[in-house]
Amino acid sequence: MSKVFKRLLSCVGKVKISDLSEEWRGPVVNALDANEKANPLITKAEIMYYSPRKSSLIVLTFGRRGSKPHQSSTDPDDPEHVISIKLLKESGSRVCSIHVHQDGTFKQK
């Protein structure tokens, strides 16, 4: 008899899944689940915050909450808005980043 273990990916940083608007939560959770299953090194996720003033992604700090869907700065040919997420090892080092689309698809970068 085999046992099934469900790993729980922990979100780090200031932006939590619950901070996302409802229509983005499902696609983000599904993308995180798929990446967690595909790569056992991934144990943490950091949802990035888009700062329109700087026109770049920054890690949300200083107590501001939530993440805003934005145009990809690294994939200018992508017409869809995305939520950017950094996928991390337990140590905190980056494994990869993903751009999650509202339709549930995602691109790894």
Protein backbone atom coordinates (compact mmCIF):
# COMPACT_ATOMS: atom_id res chain seq x y z
CA MET A 1 0.00 0.00 0.00
CA SER A 2 1.42 3.37 -0.94
CA LYS A 3 0.91 6.51 1.06
CA VAL A 4 0.20 9.81 -0.59
CA PHE A 5 1.85 12.85 0.91
CA LYS A 6 0.70 16.33 0.02
CA ARG A 7 3.38 18.95 0.28
CA LEU A 8 2.26 22.40 1.21
CA LEU A 9 3.97 25.19 -0.66
CA SER A 10 4.42 28.15 1.66
CA CYS A 11 4.00 31.71 0.45
CA VAL A 12 6.69 34.07 1.66
CA GLY A 13 6.83 37.83 1.40
CA LYS A 14 4.08 40.34 2.00
CA VAL A 15 1.66 39.28 -0.77
CA LYS A 16 -0.48 36.28 0.08
CA ILE A 17 -2.86 34.38 -2.19
CA SER A 18 -5.77 35.83 -0.23
CA ASP A 19 -4.57 39.33 -1.23
CA LEU A 20 -5.21 38.57 -4.91
CA SER A 21 -8.56 39.39 -6.46
CA GLU A 22 -10.89 36.38 -6.53
CA GLU A 23 -10.62 35.82 -10.30
CA TRP A 24 -6.83 35.42 -9.99
CA ARG A 25 -6.69 33.08 -6.97
CA GLY A 26 -7.67 29.88 -8.79
CA PRO A 27 -5.20 30.31 -11.67
CA VAL A 28 -2.38 31.18 -9.25
CA VAL A 29 -3.11 28.20 -6.97
CA ASN A 30 -3.28 25.82 -9.95
CA ALA A 31 0.01 27.12 -11.36
CA LEU A 32 1.70 26.79 -7.97
CA ASP A 33 0.38 23.23 -7.57
CA ALA A 34 1.61 22.22 -11.04
CA ASN A 35 5.08 23.66 -10.44
CA GLU A 36 5.35 22.16 -6.97
CA LYS A 37 4.50 18.71 -8.34
CA ALA A 38 6.91 19.08 -11.28
CA ASN A 39 9.89 20.15 -9.19
CA PRO A 40 10.37 18.81 -5.64
CA LEU A 41 12.98 21.50 -4.92
CA ILE A 42 10.24 24.15 -4.90
CA THR A 43 8.96 24.67 -1.37
CA LYS A 44 8.22 28.41 -1.29
CA ALA A 45 6.58 30.99 -3.54
CA GLU A 46 6.92 34.75 -3.48
CA ILE A 47 4.22 36.68 -5.32
CA MET A 48 5.74 39.80 -6.80
CA TYR A 49 4.17 43.25 -6.73
CA TYR A 50 4.10 45.47 -9.80
CA SER A 51 5.04 49.07 -9.22
CA PRO A 52 3.73 51.27 -12.05
CA ARG A 53 5.88 54.17 -10.86
CA LYS A 54 9.06 52.20 -11.45
CA SER A 55 7.65 50.18 -14.37
CA SER A 56 9.23 47.10 -12.89
CA LEU A 57 8.56 44.28 -10.50
CA ILE A 58 9.54 44.71 -6.90
CA VAL A 59 9.01 42.53 -3.89
CA LEU A 60 6.15 44.00 -1.91
CA THR A 61 7.49 45.71 1.20
CA PHE A 62 6.57 48.47 3.62
CA GLY A 63 3.24 46.88 4.55
CA ARG A 64 1.46 47.47 1.20
CA ARG A 65 -0.84 44.56 0.40
CA GLY A 66 -1.97 42.84 -2.77
CA SER A 67 -0.65 42.21 -6.23
CA LYS A 68 -1.80 43.80 -9.44
CA PRO A 69 -1.98 42.00 -12.79
CA HIS A 70 0.42 43.70 -15.19
CA GLN A 71 2.01 43.47 -18.63
CA SER A 72 5.15 41.35 -18.63
CA SER A 73 8.33 43.40 -18.77
CA THR A 74 10.38 40.32 -19.69
CA ASP A 75 8.00 39.06 -22.40
CA PRO A 76 6.76 42.16 -24.25
CA ASP A 77 5.11 40.00 -26.94
CA ASP A 78 2.69 38.58 -24.37
CA PRO A 79 -0.52 40.64 -24.70
CA GLU A 80 -2.11 39.21 -21.54
CA HIS A 81 -1.80 40.56 -18.03
CA VAL A 82 0.12 38.33 -15.62
CA ILE A 83 0.86 37.76 -11.95
CA SER A 84 4.59 37.17 -11.44
CA ILE A 85 5.73 34.62 -8.89
CA LYS A 86 9.23 33.65 -7.80
CA LEU A 87 9.55 29.92 -6.94
CA LEU A 88 12.13 29.19 -4.26
CA LYS A 89 14.00 26.35 -2.56
CA GLU A 90 13.72 25.88 1.19
CA SER A 91 16.94 27.90 1.56
CA GLY A 92 15.27 30.85 -0.20
CA SER A 93 17.33 30.61 -3.38
CA ARG A 94 15.41 31.05 -6.64
CA VAL A 95 14.51 27.99 -8.71
CA CYS A 96 12.63 29.92 -11.42
CA SER A 97 9.89 32.47 -11.91
CA ILE A 98 6.50 32.09 -13.53
CA HIS A 99 4.00 34.42 -15.15
CA VAL A 100 0.44 33.26 -14.46
CA HIS A 101 -2.33 34.28 -16.87
CA GLN A 102 -5.92 34.70 -15.77
CA ASP A 103 -7.01 31.78 -18.00
CA GLY A 104 -4.82 29.48 -15.89
CA THR A 105 -1.90 29.11 -18.28
CA PHE A 106 1.57 30.10 -17.14
CA LYS A 107 5.02 30.63 -18.57
CA GLN A 108 8.20 29.71 -16.77
CA LYS A 109 11.15 32.04 -17.03
